[in-house]
Amino acid sequence: EVAVAPGDPVRQQVCVRPGTVVSLVLSPRTDGKRWTALRSSAPALVQP
């Protein structure tokens, strides 16, 4: 599980083994913007 809260760095990294499931939890933003979507640069490797 990777949790992201306001004030955390806007870039993070995680190292995992093949077959791992990553749960990404993004806390509400404080700037009034809302999370809208996510994309993978390599969906064959990491698929949302």
All heavy atoms as atom14 arrays in JSON, in Angstrom:
{
  "sequence": "EVAVAPGDPVRQQVCVRPGTVVSLVLSPRTDGKRWTALRSSAPALVQP",
  "atom14_mask": [
    [1, 1, 1, 1, 1, 1, 1, 1, 1, 0, 0, 0, 0, 0],
    [1, 1, 1, 1, 1, 1, 1, 0, 0, 0, 0, 0, 0, 0],
    [1, 1, 1, 1, 1, 0, 0, 0, 0, 0, 0, 0, 0, 0],
    [1, 1, 1, 1, 1, 1, 1, 0, 0, 0, 0, 0, 0, 0],
    [1, 1, 1, 1, 1, 0, 0, 0, 0, 0, 0, 0, 0, 0],
    [1, 1, 1, 1, 1, 1, 1, 0, 0, 0, 0, 0, 0, 0],
    [1, 1, 1, 1, 0, 0, 0, 0, 0, 0, 0, 0, 0, 0],
    [1, 1, 1, 1, 1, 1, 1, 1, 0, 0, 0, 0, 0, 0],
    [1, 1, 1, 1, 1, 1, 1, 0, 0, 0, 0, 0, 0, 0],
    [1, 1, 1, 1, 1, 1, 1, 0, 0, 0, 0, 0, 0, 0],
    [1, 1, 1, 1, 1, 1, 1, 1, 1, 1, 1, 0, 0, 0],
    [1, 1, 1, 1, 1, 1, 1, 1, 1, 0, 0, 0, 0, 0],
    [1, 1, 1, 1, 1, 1, 1, 1, 1, 0, 0, 0, 0, 0],
    [1, 1, 1, 1, 1, 1, 1, 0, 0, 0, 0, 0, 0, 0],
    [1, 1, 1, 1, 1, 1, 0, 0, 0, 0, 0, 0, 0, 0],
    [1, 1, 1, 1, 1, 1, 1, 0, 0, 0, 0, 0, 0, 0],
    [1, 1, 1, 1, 1, 1, 1, 1, 1, 1, 1, 0, 0, 0],
    [1, 1, 1, 1, 1, 1, 1, 0, 0, 0, 0, 0, 0, 0],
    [1, 1, 1, 1, 0, 0, 0, 0, 0, 0, 0, 0, 0, 0],
    [1, 1, 1, 1, 1, 1, 1, 0, 0, 0, 0, 0, 0, 0],
    [1, 1, 1, 1, 1, 1, 1, 0, 0, 0, 0, 0, 0, 0],
    [1, 1, 1, 1, 1, 1, 1, 0, 0, 0, 0, 0, 0, 0],
    [1, 1, 1, 1, 1, 1, 0, 0, 0, 0, 0, 0, 0, 0],
    [1, 1, 1, 1, 1, 1, 1, 1, 0, 0, 0, 0, 0, 0],
    [1, 1, 1, 1, 1, 1, 1, 0, 0, 0, 0, 0, 0, 0],
    [1, 1, 1, 1, 1, 1, 1, 1, 0, 0, 0, 0, 0, 0],
    [1, 1, 1, 1, 1, 1, 0, 0, 0, 0, 0, 0, 0, 0],
    [1, 1, 1, 1, 1, 1, 1, 0, 0, 0, 0, 0, 0, 0],
    [1, 1, 1, 1, 1, 1, 1, 1, 1, 1, 1, 0, 0, 0],
    [1, 1, 1, 1, 1, 1, 1, 0, 0, 0, 0, 0, 0, 0],
    [1, 1, 1, 1, 1, 1, 1, 1, 0, 0, 0, 0, 0, 0],
    [1, 1, 1, 1, 0, 0, 0, 0, 0, 0, 0, 0, 0, 0],
    [1, 1, 1, 1, 1, 1, 1, 1, 1, 0, 0, 0, 0, 0],
    [1, 1, 1, 1, 1, 1, 1, 1, 1, 1, 1, 0, 0, 0],
    [1, 1, 1, 1, 1, 1, 1, 1, 1, 1, 1, 1, 1, 1],
    [1, 1, 1, 1, 1, 1, 1, 0, 0, 0, 0, 0, 0, 0],
    [1, 1, 1, 1, 1, 0, 0, 0, 0, 0, 0, 0, 0, 0],
    [1, 1, 1, 1, 1, 1, 1, 1, 0, 0, 0, 0, 0, 0],
    [1, 1, 1, 1, 1, 1, 1, 1, 1, 1, 1, 0, 0, 0],
    [1, 1, 1, 1, 1, 1, 0, 0, 0, 0, 0, 0, 0, 0],
    [1, 1, 1, 1, 1, 1, 0, 0, 0, 0, 0, 0, 0, 0],
    [1, 1, 1, 1, 1, 0, 0, 0, 0, 0, 0, 0, 0, 0],
    [1, 1, 1, 1, 1, 1, 1, 0, 0, 0, 0, 0, 0, 0],
    [1, 1, 1, 1, 1, 0, 0, 0, 0, 0, 0, 0, 0, 0],
    [1, 1, 1, 1, 1, 1, 1, 1, 0, 0, 0, 0, 0, 0],
    [1, 1, 1, 1, 1, 1, 1, 0, 0, 0, 0, 0, 0, 0],
    [1, 1, 1, 1, 1, 1, 1, 1, 1, 0, 0, 0, 0, 0],
    [1, 1, 1, 1, 1, 1, 1, 0, 0, 0, 0, 0, 0, 0]
  ],
  "atom14_positions": [
    [[0.84, -1.19, 0.0], [0.0, 0.0, 0.0], [0.88, 1.24, 0.0], [1.83, 1.33, 0.77], [-0.93, 0.03, 1.2], [-1.85, 1.24, 1.18], [-2.93, 1.2, 2.24], [-3.73, 0.25, 2.24], [-2.97, 2.16, 3.04], [0.0, 0.0, 0.0], [0.0, 0.0, 0.0], [0.0, 0.0, 0.0], [0.0, 0.0, 0.0], [0.0, 0.0, 0.0]],
    [[0.56, 2.16, -0.89], [1.23, 3.45, -0.96], [0.18, 4.5, -0.65], [-0.82, 4.61, -1.38], [1.86, 3.71, -2.34], [2.48, 5.1, -2.4], [2.89, 2.64, -2.67], [0.0, 0.0, 0.0], [0.0, 0.0, 0.0], [0.0, 0.0, 0.0], [0.0, 0.0, 0.0], [0.0, 0.0, 0.0], [0.0, 0.0, 0.0], [0.0, 0.0, 0.0]],
    [[0.37, 5.25, 0.43], [-0.57, 6.3, 0.82], [0.07, 7.66, 0.53], [1.24, 7.88, 0.85], [-0.92, 6.18, 2.29], [0.0, 0.0, 0.0], [0.0, 0.0, 0.0], [0.0, 0.0, 0.0], [0.0, 0.0, 0.0], [0.0, 0.0, 0.0], [0.0, 0.0, 0.0], [0.0, 0.0, 0.0], [0.0, 0.0, 0.0], [0.0, 0.0, 0.0]],
    [[-0.71, 8.55, -0.05], [-0.24, 9.88, -0.4], [-1.14, 10.89, 0.3], [-2.36, 10.87, 0.13], [-0.27, 10.11, -1.93], [0.21, 11.5, -2.28], [0.57, 9.05, -2.64], [0.0, 0.0, 0.0], [0.0, 0.0, 0.0], [0.0, 0.0, 0.0], [0.0, 0.0, 0.0], [0.0, 0.0, 0.0], [0.0, 0.0, 0.0], [0.0, 0.0, 0.0]],
    [[-0.53, 11.76, 1.09], [-1.26, 12.78, 1.84], [-0.81, 14.16, 1.37], [0.28, 14.31, 0.79], [-0.99, 12.61, 3.33], [0.0, 0.0, 0.0], [0.0, 0.0, 0.0], [0.0, 0.0, 0.0], [0.0, 0.0, 0.0], [0.0, 0.0, 0.0], [0.0, 0.0, 0.0], [0.0, 0.0, 0.0], [0.0, 0.0, 0.0], [0.0, 0.0, 0.0]],
    [[-1.63, 15.18, 1.62], [-1.21, 16.54, 1.27], [0.15, 16.86, 1.9], [0.42, 16.51, 3.04], [-2.31, 17.42, 1.87], [-3.51, 16.53, 1.89], [-2.96, 15.15, 2.2], [0.0, 0.0, 0.0], [0.0, 0.0, 0.0], [0.0, 0.0, 0.0], [0.0, 0.0, 0.0], [0.0, 0.0, 0.0], [0.0, 0.0, 0.0], [0.0, 0.0, 0.0]],
    [[1.02, 17.47, 1.12], [2.35, 17.81, 1.59], [3.4, 16.76, 1.27], [4.6, 17.02, 1.39], [0.0, 0.0, 0.0], [0.0, 0.0, 0.0], [0.0, 0.0, 0.0], [0.0, 0.0, 0.0], [0.0, 0.0, 0.0], [0.0, 0.0, 0.0], [0.0, 0.0, 0.0], [0.0, 0.0, 0.0], [0.0, 0.0, 0.0], [0.0, 0.0, 0.0]],
    [[2.98, 15.56, 0.88], [3.94, 14.52, 0.48], [4.56, 14.9, -0.86], [3.97, 15.66, -1.64], [3.25, 13.16, 0.35], [2.92, 12.53, 1.69], [3.33, 13.07, 2.73], [2.22, 11.49, 1.69], [0.0, 0.0, 0.0], [0.0, 0.0, 0.0], [0.0, 0.0, 0.0], [0.0, 0.0, 0.0], [0.0, 0.0, 0.0], [0.0, 0.0, 0.0]],
    [[5.74, 14.35, -1.17], [6.35, 14.63, -2.49], [5.41, 14.22, -3.62], [4.68, 13.24, -3.51], [7.61, 13.76, -2.49], [7.89, 13.47, -1.05], [6.56, 13.47, -0.35], [0.0, 0.0, 0.0], [0.0, 0.0, 0.0], [0.0, 0.0, 0.0], [0.0, 0.0, 0.0], [0.0, 0.0, 0.0], [0.0, 0.0, 0.0], [0.0, 0.0, 0.0]],
    [[5.47, 14.96, -4.73], [4.6, 14.68, -5.87], [5.15, 13.57, -6.74], [4.51, 13.15, -7.7], [4.33, 15.94, -6.71], [3.57, 16.97, -5.89], [5.61, 16.51, -7.27], [0.0, 0.0, 0.0], [0.0, 0.0, 0.0], [0.0, 0.0, 0.0], [0.0, 0.0, 0.0], [0.0, 0.0, 0.0], [0.0, 0.0, 0.0], [0.0, 0.0, 0.0]],
    [[6.36, 13.08, -6.45], [6.96, 11.92, -7.12], [7.44, 10.96, -6.04], [8.16, 11.35, -5.14], [8.14, 12.34, -7.99], [7.76, 13.1, -9.24], [8.94, 13.28, -10.19], [9.51, 12.05, -10.67], [9.02, 11.31, -11.67], [7.93, 11.68, -12.27], [9.62, 10.21, -12.06], [0.0, 0.0, 0.0], [0.0, 0.0, 0.0], [0.0, 0.0, 0.0]],
    [[7.01, 9.73, -6.17], [7.48, 8.68, -5.26], [7.8, 7.46, -6.1], [7.41, 7.36, -7.26], [6.4, 8.34, -4.22], [6.13, 9.46, -3.25], [5.15, 9.04, -2.17], [5.05, 7.88, -1.81], [4.42, 10.01, -1.64], [0.0, 0.0, 0.0], [0.0, 0.0, 0.0], [0.0, 0.0, 0.0], [0.0, 0.0, 0.0], [0.0, 0.0, 0.0]],
    [[8.52, 6.53, -5.5], [8.81, 5.28, -6.19], [8.66, 4.12, -5.24], [8.76, 4.28, -4.02], [10.2, 5.29, -6.82], [11.36, 5.31, -5.86], [12.69, 5.24, -6.6], [12.74, 5.08, -7.81], [13.77, 5.37, -5.87], [0.0, 0.0, 0.0], [0.0, 0.0, 0.0], [0.0, 0.0, 0.0], [0.0, 0.0, 0.0], [0.0, 0.0, 0.0]],
    [[8.39, 2.97, -5.84], [8.24, 1.74, -5.07], [8.88, 0.62, -5.88], [8.81, 0.61, -7.11], [6.75, 1.47, -4.74], [5.93, 1.25, -5.99], [6.59, 0.3, -3.79], [0.0, 0.0, 0.0], [0.0, 0.0, 0.0], [0.0, 0.0, 0.0], [0.0, 0.0, 0.0], [0.0, 0.0, 0.0], [0.0, 0.0, 0.0], [0.0, 0.0, 0.0]],
    [[9.52, -0.3, -5.19], [10.15, -1.45, -5.83], [9.37, -2.68, -5.4], [9.17, -2.92, -4.2], [11.61, -1.55, -5.38], [12.49, -2.95, -6.11], [0.0, 0.0, 0.0], [0.0, 0.0, 0.0], [0.0, 0.0, 0.0], [0.0, 0.0, 0.0], [0.0, 0.0, 0.0], [0.0, 0.0, 0.0], [0.0, 0.0, 0.0], [0.0, 0.0, 0.0]],
    [[8.91, -3.45, -6.39], [8.08, -4.61, -6.11], [8.54, -5.81, -6.93], [9.28, -5.67, -7.9], [6.59, -4.33, -6.4], [6.06, -3.23, -5.51], [6.37, -4.0, -7.86], [0.0, 0.0, 0.0], [0.0, 0.0, 0.0], [0.0, 0.0, 0.0], [0.0, 0.0, 0.0], [0.0, 0.0, 0.0], [0.0, 0.0, 0.0], [0.0, 0.0, 0.0]],
    [[8.07, -6.97, -6.53], [8.33, -8.21, -7.26], [7.21, -8.42, -8.29], [6.11, -7.89, -8.14], [8.34, -9.39, -6.29], [9.47, -9.34, -5.29], [10.76, -9.56, -5.97], [11.85, -9.6, -4.99], [13.1, -9.69, -5.33], [13.46, -9.72, -6.59], [14.03, -9.72, -4.41], [0.0, 0.0, 0.0], [0.0, 0.0, 0.0], [0.0, 0.0, 0.0]],
    [[7.46, -9.2, -9.32], [6.4, -9.52, -10.29], [5.19, -10.14, -9.58], [5.34, -10.87, -8.6], [7.07, -10.54, -11.22], [8.52, -10.2, -11.16], [8.75, -9.81, -9.71], [0.0, 0.0, 0.0], [0.0, 0.0, 0.0], [0.0, 0.0, 0.0], [0.0, 0.0, 0.0], [0.0, 0.0, 0.0], [0.0, 0.0, 0.0], [0.0, 0.0, 0.0]],
    [[4.01, -9.81, -10.07], [2.78, -10.33, -9.5], [2.24, -9.55, -8.32], [1.17, -9.88, -7.79], [0.0, 0.0, 0.0], [0.0, 0.0, 0.0], [0.0, 0.0, 0.0], [0.0, 0.0, 0.0], [0.0, 0.0, 0.0], [0.0, 0.0, 0.0], [0.0, 0.0, 0.0], [0.0, 0.0, 0.0], [0.0, 0.0, 0.0], [0.0, 0.0, 0.0]],
    [[2.94, -8.53, -7.89], [2.51, -7.73, -6.74], [1.31, -6.85, -7.11], [1.21, -6.36, -8.23], [3.67, -6.84, -6.24], [4.76, -7.69, -5.85], [3.27, -5.97, -5.07], [0.0, 0.0, 0.0], [0.0, 0.0, 0.0], [0.0, 0.0, 0.0], [0.0, 0.0, 0.0], [0.0, 0.0, 0.0], [0.0, 0.0, 0.0], [0.0, 0.0, 0.0]],
    [[0.43, -6.65, -6.14], [-0.68, -5.71, -6.28], [-0.36, -4.5, -5.41], [-0.09, -4.65, -4.21], [-2.02, -6.33, -5.87], [-3.13, -5.3, -5.91], [-2.35, -7.52, -6.76], [0.0, 0.0, 0.0], [0.0, 0.0, 0.0], [0.0, 0.0, 0.0], [0.0, 0.0, 0.0], [0.0, 0.0, 0.0], [0.0, 0.0, 0.0], [0.0, 0.0, 0.0]],
    [[-0.36, -3.33, -6.02], [-0.09, -2.09, -5.29], [-1.41, -1.36, -5.1], [-2.12, -1.08, -6.07], [0.9, -1.18, -6.06], [1.13, 0.12, -5.31], [2.21, -1.91, -6.31], [0.0, 0.0, 0.0], [0.0, 0.0, 0.0], [0.0, 0.0, 0.0], [0.0, 0.0, 0.0], [0.0, 0.0, 0.0], [0.0, 0.0, 0.0], [0.0, 0.0, 0.0]],
    [[-1.75, -1.08, -3.84], [-2.93, -0.27, -3.53], [-2.45, 1.16, -3.33], [-1.6, 1.41, -2.47], [-3.63, -0.75, -2.27], [-4.16, -2.04, -2.47], [0.0, 0.0, 0.0], [0.0, 0.0, 0.0], [0.0, 0.0, 0.0], [0.0, 0.0, 0.0], [0.0, 0.0, 0.0], [0.0, 0.0, 0.0], [0.0, 0.0, 0.0], [0.0, 0.0, 0.0]],
    [[-2.97, 2.07, -4.12], [-2.59, 3.48, -4.05], [-3.76, 4.23, -3.44], [-4.89, 4.18, -3.96], [-2.27, 4.0, -5.45], [-1.86, 5.45, -5.59], [-0.6, 5.75, -4.79], [-1.64, 5.79, -7.06], [0.0, 0.0, 0.0], [0.0, 0.0, 0.0], [0.0, 0.0, 0.0], [0.0, 0.0, 0.0], [0.0, 0.0, 0.0], [0.0, 0.0, 0.0]],
    [[-3.52, 4.92, -2.31], [-4.54, 5.69, -1.62], [-4.11, 7.14, -1.63], [-3.07, 7.5, -1.07], [-4.74, 5.19, -0.16], [-5.82, 6.01, 0.53], [-5.07, 3.71, -0.15], [0.0, 0.0, 0.0], [0.0, 0.0, 0.0], [0.0, 0.0, 0.0], [0.0, 0.0, 0.0], [0.0, 0.0, 0.0], [0.0, 0.0, 0.0], [0.0, 0.0, 0.0]],
    [[-4.9, 7.99, -2.28], [-4.6, 9.4, -2.42], [-5.59, 10.2, -1.58], [-6.78, 10.25, -1.88], [-4.71, 9.82, -3.89], [-3.8, 9.02, -4.82], [-4.48, 8.76, -6.15], [-2.5, 9.76, -5.01], [0.0, 0.0, 0.0], [0.0, 0.0, 0.0], [0.0, 0.0, 0.0], [0.0, 0.0, 0.0], [0.0, 0.0, 0.0], [0.0, 0.0, 0.0]],
    [[-5.08, 10.83, -0.51], [-5.94, 11.63, 0.36], [-6.47, 12.84, -0.4], [-5.87, 13.27, -1.39], [-5.15, 12.09, 1.59], [-4.8, 10.98, 2.38], [0.0, 0.0, 0.0], [0.0, 0.0, 0.0], [0.0, 0.0, 0.0], [0.0, 0.0, 0.0], [0.0, 0.0, 0.0], [0.0, 0.0, 0.0], [0.0, 0.0, 0.0], [0.0, 0.0, 0.0]],
    [[-7.57, 13.42, 0.08], [-8.11, 14.6, -0.59], [-7.08, 15.72, -0.66], [-6.27, 15.9, 0.25], [-9.29, 15.02, 0.31], [-9.63, 13.8, 1.09], [-8.36, 13.03, 1.24], [0.0, 0.0, 0.0], [0.0, 0.0, 0.0], [0.0, 0.0, 0.0], [0.0, 0.0, 0.0], [0.0, 0.0, 0.0], [0.0, 0.0, 0.0], [0.0, 0.0, 0.0]],
    [[-7.11, 16.46, -1.75], [-6.17, 17.55, -1.97], [-6.64, 18.79, -1.2], [-7.83, 18.98, -1.0], [-6.06, 17.85, -3.45], [-5.46, 16.65, -4.22], [-5.42, 16.89, -5.7], [-4.72, 18.11, -6.05], [-3.41, 18.22, -6.25], [-2.65, 17.15, -6.14], [-2.87, 19.36, -6.58], [0.0, 0.0, 0.0], [0.0, 0.0, 0.0], [0.0, 0.0, 0.0]],
    [[-5.7, 19.63, -0.8], [-6.04, 20.85, -0.07], [-6.16, 22.07, -0.97], [-6.56, 23.13, -0.51], [-4.97, 21.13, 1.01], [-3.7, 21.25, 0.37], [-4.93, 20.03, 2.05], [0.0, 0.0, 0.0], [0.0, 0.0, 0.0], [0.0, 0.0, 0.0], [0.0, 0.0, 0.0], [0.0, 0.0, 0.0], [0.0, 0.0, 0.0], [0.0, 0.0, 0.0]],
    [[-5.84, 21.91, -2.26], [-5.87, 23.05, -3.18], [-7.2, 23.18, -3.94], [-7.31, 23.98, -4.86], [-4.71, 22.98, -4.18], [-4.74, 21.74, -5.05], [-5.71, 20.94, -4.95], [-3.81, 21.55, -5.85], [0.0, 0.0, 0.0], [0.0, 0.0, 0.0], [0.0, 0.0, 0.0], [0.0, 0.0, 0.0], [0.0, 0.0, 0.0], [0.0, 0.0, 0.0]],
    [[-8.2, 22.4, -3.57], [-9.49, 22.48, -4.23], [-9.61, 21.61, -5.46], [-10.7, 21.43, -6.0], [0.0, 0.0, 0.0], [0.0, 0.0, 0.0], [0.0, 0.0, 0.0], [0.0, 0.0, 0.0], [0.0, 0.0, 0.0], [0.0, 0.0, 0.0], [0.0, 0.0, 0.0], [0.0, 0.0, 0.0], [0.0, 0.0, 0.0], [0.0, 0.0, 0.0]],
    [[-8.49, 21.07, -5.93], [-8.54, 20.19, -7.1], [-8.96, 18.79, -6.65], [-8.75, 18.4, -5.52], [-7.19, 20.14, -7.8], [-6.8, 21.46, -8.42], [-5.5, 21.34, -9.17], [-5.15, 22.67, -9.81], [-3.92, 22.58, -10.6], [0.0, 0.0, 0.0], [0.0, 0.0, 0.0], [0.0, 0.0, 0.0], [0.0, 0.0, 0.0], [0.0, 0.0, 0.0]],
    [[-9.57, 18.06, -7.58], [-10.01, 16.7, -7.3], [-9.22, 15.73, -8.16], [-8.91, 16.01, -9.31], [-11.49, 16.54, -7.65], [-12.41, 17.44, -6.86], [-12.65, 16.91, -5.5], [-14.05, 16.56, -5.35], [-14.48, 15.78, -4.4], [-13.67, 15.23, -3.56], [-15.75, 15.52, -4.29], [0.0, 0.0, 0.0], [0.0, 0.0, 0.0], [0.0, 0.0, 0.0]],
    [[-8.9, 14.57, -7.59], [-8.28, 13.5, -8.36], [-9.28, 13.1, -9.44], [-10.47, 12.97, -9.17], [-7.96, 12.31, -7.47], [-7.07, 12.62, -6.32], [-7.42, 12.63, -5.0], [-5.69, 12.96, -6.36], [-6.33, 12.96, -4.23], [-5.25, 13.17, -5.04], [-4.77, 13.13, -7.4], [-3.96, 13.52, -4.72], [-3.46, 13.48, -7.08], [-3.07, 13.66, -5.77]],
    [[-8.81, 12.88, -10.67], [-9.75, 12.56, -11.74], [-9.48, 11.21, -12.41], [-10.42, 10.53, -12.8], [-9.73, 13.64, -12.84], [-8.4, 13.77, -13.35], [-10.24, 14.96, -12.31], [0.0, 0.0, 0.0], [0.0, 0.0, 0.0], [0.0, 0.0, 0.0], [0.0, 0.0, 0.0], [0.0, 0.0, 0.0], [0.0, 0.0, 0.0], [0.0, 0.0, 0.0]],
    [[-8.24, 10.82, -12.57], [-7.93, 9.59, -13.3], [-6.46, 9.24, -13.1], [-5.69, 10.05, -12.58], [-8.2, 9.78, -14.79], [0.0, 0.0, 0.0], [0.0, 0.0, 0.0], [0.0, 0.0, 0.0], [0.0, 0.0, 0.0], [0.0, 0.0, 0.0], [0.0, 0.0, 0.0], [0.0, 0.0, 0.0], [0.0, 0.0, 0.0], [0.0, 0.0, 0.0]],
    [[-6.08, 8.03, -13.52], [-4.67, 7.68, -13.53], [-4.35, 6.91, -14.79], [-5.23, 6.3, -15.41], [-4.26, 6.9, -12.28], [-4.58, 5.43, -12.19], [-3.59, 4.79, -11.24], [-5.96, 5.21, -11.67], [0.0, 0.0, 0.0], [0.0, 0.0, 0.0], [0.0, 0.0, 0.0], [0.0, 0.0, 0.0], [0.0, 0.0, 0.0], [0.0, 0.0, 0.0]],
    [[-3.07, 6.95, -15.15], [-2.59, 6.29, -16.37], [-1.27, 5.59, -16.07], [-0.49, 6.04, -15.26], [-2.35, 7.33, -17.46], [-3.59, 8.05, -17.89], [-3.3, 9.03, -19.0], [-4.51, 9.75, -19.35], [-4.57, 11.01, -19.65], [-3.47, 11.74, -19.67], [-5.71, 11.58, -19.95], [0.0, 0.0, 0.0], [0.0, 0.0, 0.0], [0.0, 0.0, 0.0]],
    [[-1.04, 4.51, -16.81], [0.23, 3.78, -16.72], [1.01, 4.0, -18.0], [0.46, 3.89, -19.1], [-0.04, 2.29, -16.53], [1.18, 1.56, -16.57], [0.0, 0.0, 0.0], [0.0, 0.0, 0.0], [0.0, 0.0, 0.0], [0.0, 0.0, 0.0], [0.0, 0.0, 0.0], [0.0, 0.0, 0.0], [0.0, 0.0, 0.0], [0.0, 0.0, 0.0]],
    [[2.3, 4.28, -17.87], [3.15, 4.45, -19.05], [3.46, 3.1, -19.69], [3.89, 3.05, -20.84], [4.45, 5.16, -18.68], [5.24, 4.34, -17.83], [0.0, 0.0, 0.0], [0.0, 0.0, 0.0], [0.0, 0.0, 0.0], [0.0, 0.0, 0.0], [0.0, 0.0, 0.0], [0.0, 0.0, 0.0], [0.0, 0.0, 0.0], [0.0, 0.0, 0.0]],
    [[3.27, 2.01, -18.96], [3.53, 0.66, -19.47], [2.45, -0.29, -18.95], [2.69, -1.07, -18.03], [4.92, 0.19, -19.04], [0.0, 0.0, 0.0], [0.0, 0.0, 0.0], [0.0, 0.0, 0.0], [0.0, 0.0, 0.0], [0.0, 0.0, 0.0], [0.0, 0.0, 0.0], [0.0, 0.0, 0.0], [0.0, 0.0, 0.0], [0.0, 0.0, 0.0]],
    [[1.24, -0.23, -19.55], [0.15, -1.07, -19.03], [0.4, -2.56, -19.13], [-0.21, -3.33, -18.4], [-1.06, -0.65, -19.87], [-0.57, 0.27, -20.92], [0.84, 0.64, -20.62], [0.0, 0.0, 0.0], [0.0, 0.0, 0.0], [0.0, 0.0, 0.0], [0.0, 0.0, 0.0], [0.0, 0.0, 0.0], [0.0, 0.0, 0.0], [0.0, 0.0, 0.0]],
    [[1.31, -3.01, -19.98], [1.63, -4.44, -20.03], [2.44, -4.86, -18.81], [2.46, -6.04, -18.45], [2.41, -4.76, -21.3], [0.0, 0.0, 0.0], [0.0, 0.0, 0.0], [0.0, 0.0, 0.0], [0.0, 0.0, 0.0], [0.0, 0.0, 0.0], [0.0, 0.0, 0.0], [0.0, 0.0, 0.0], [0.0, 0.0, 0.0], [0.0, 0.0, 0.0]],
    [[3.07, -3.9, -18.16], [3.88, -4.19, -16.97], [3.1, -3.87, -15.69], [3.09, -4.66, -14.75], [5.18, -3.38, -17.01], [6.13, -3.61, -15.85], [6.65, -5.04, -15.85], [7.28, -2.63, -15.91], [0.0, 0.0, 0.0], [0.0, 0.0, 0.0], [0.0, 0.0, 0.0], [0.0, 0.0, 0.0], [0.0, 0.0, 0.0], [0.0, 0.0, 0.0]],
    [[2.48, -2.7, -15.61], [1.69, -2.3, -14.45], [0.34, -1.81, -14.97], [0.25, -0.77, -15.62], [2.38, -1.2, -13.63], [1.52, -0.81, -12.44], [3.76, -1.65, -13.16], [0.0, 0.0, 0.0], [0.0, 0.0, 0.0], [0.0, 0.0, 0.0], [0.0, 0.0, 0.0], [0.0, 0.0, 0.0], [0.0, 0.0, 0.0], [0.0, 0.0, 0.0]],
    [[-0.7, -2.59, -14.68], [-2.04, -2.32, -15.21], [-2.95, -1.79, -14.09], [-3.18, -2.5, -13.12], [-2.63, -3.6, -15.78], [-4.06, -3.47, -16.25], [-4.19, -2.57, -17.46], [-3.47, -2.72, -18.43], [-5.1, -1.64, -17.41], [0.0, 0.0, 0.0], [0.0, 0.0, 0.0], [0.0, 0.0, 0.0], [0.0, 0.0, 0.0], [0.0, 0.0, 0.0]],
    [[-3.45, -0.57, -14.24], [-4.47, -0.13, -13.29], [-5.72, -1.0, -13.45], [-6.23, -1.14, -14.56], [-4.77, 1.32, -13.71], [-3.56, 1.74, -14.51], [-3.08, 0.48, -15.18], [0.0, 0.0, 0.0], [0.0, 0.0, 0.0], [0.0, 0.0, 0.0], [0.0, 0.0, 0.0], [0.0, 0.0, 0.0], [0.0, 0.0, 0.0], [0.0, 0.0, 0.0]]
  ]
}
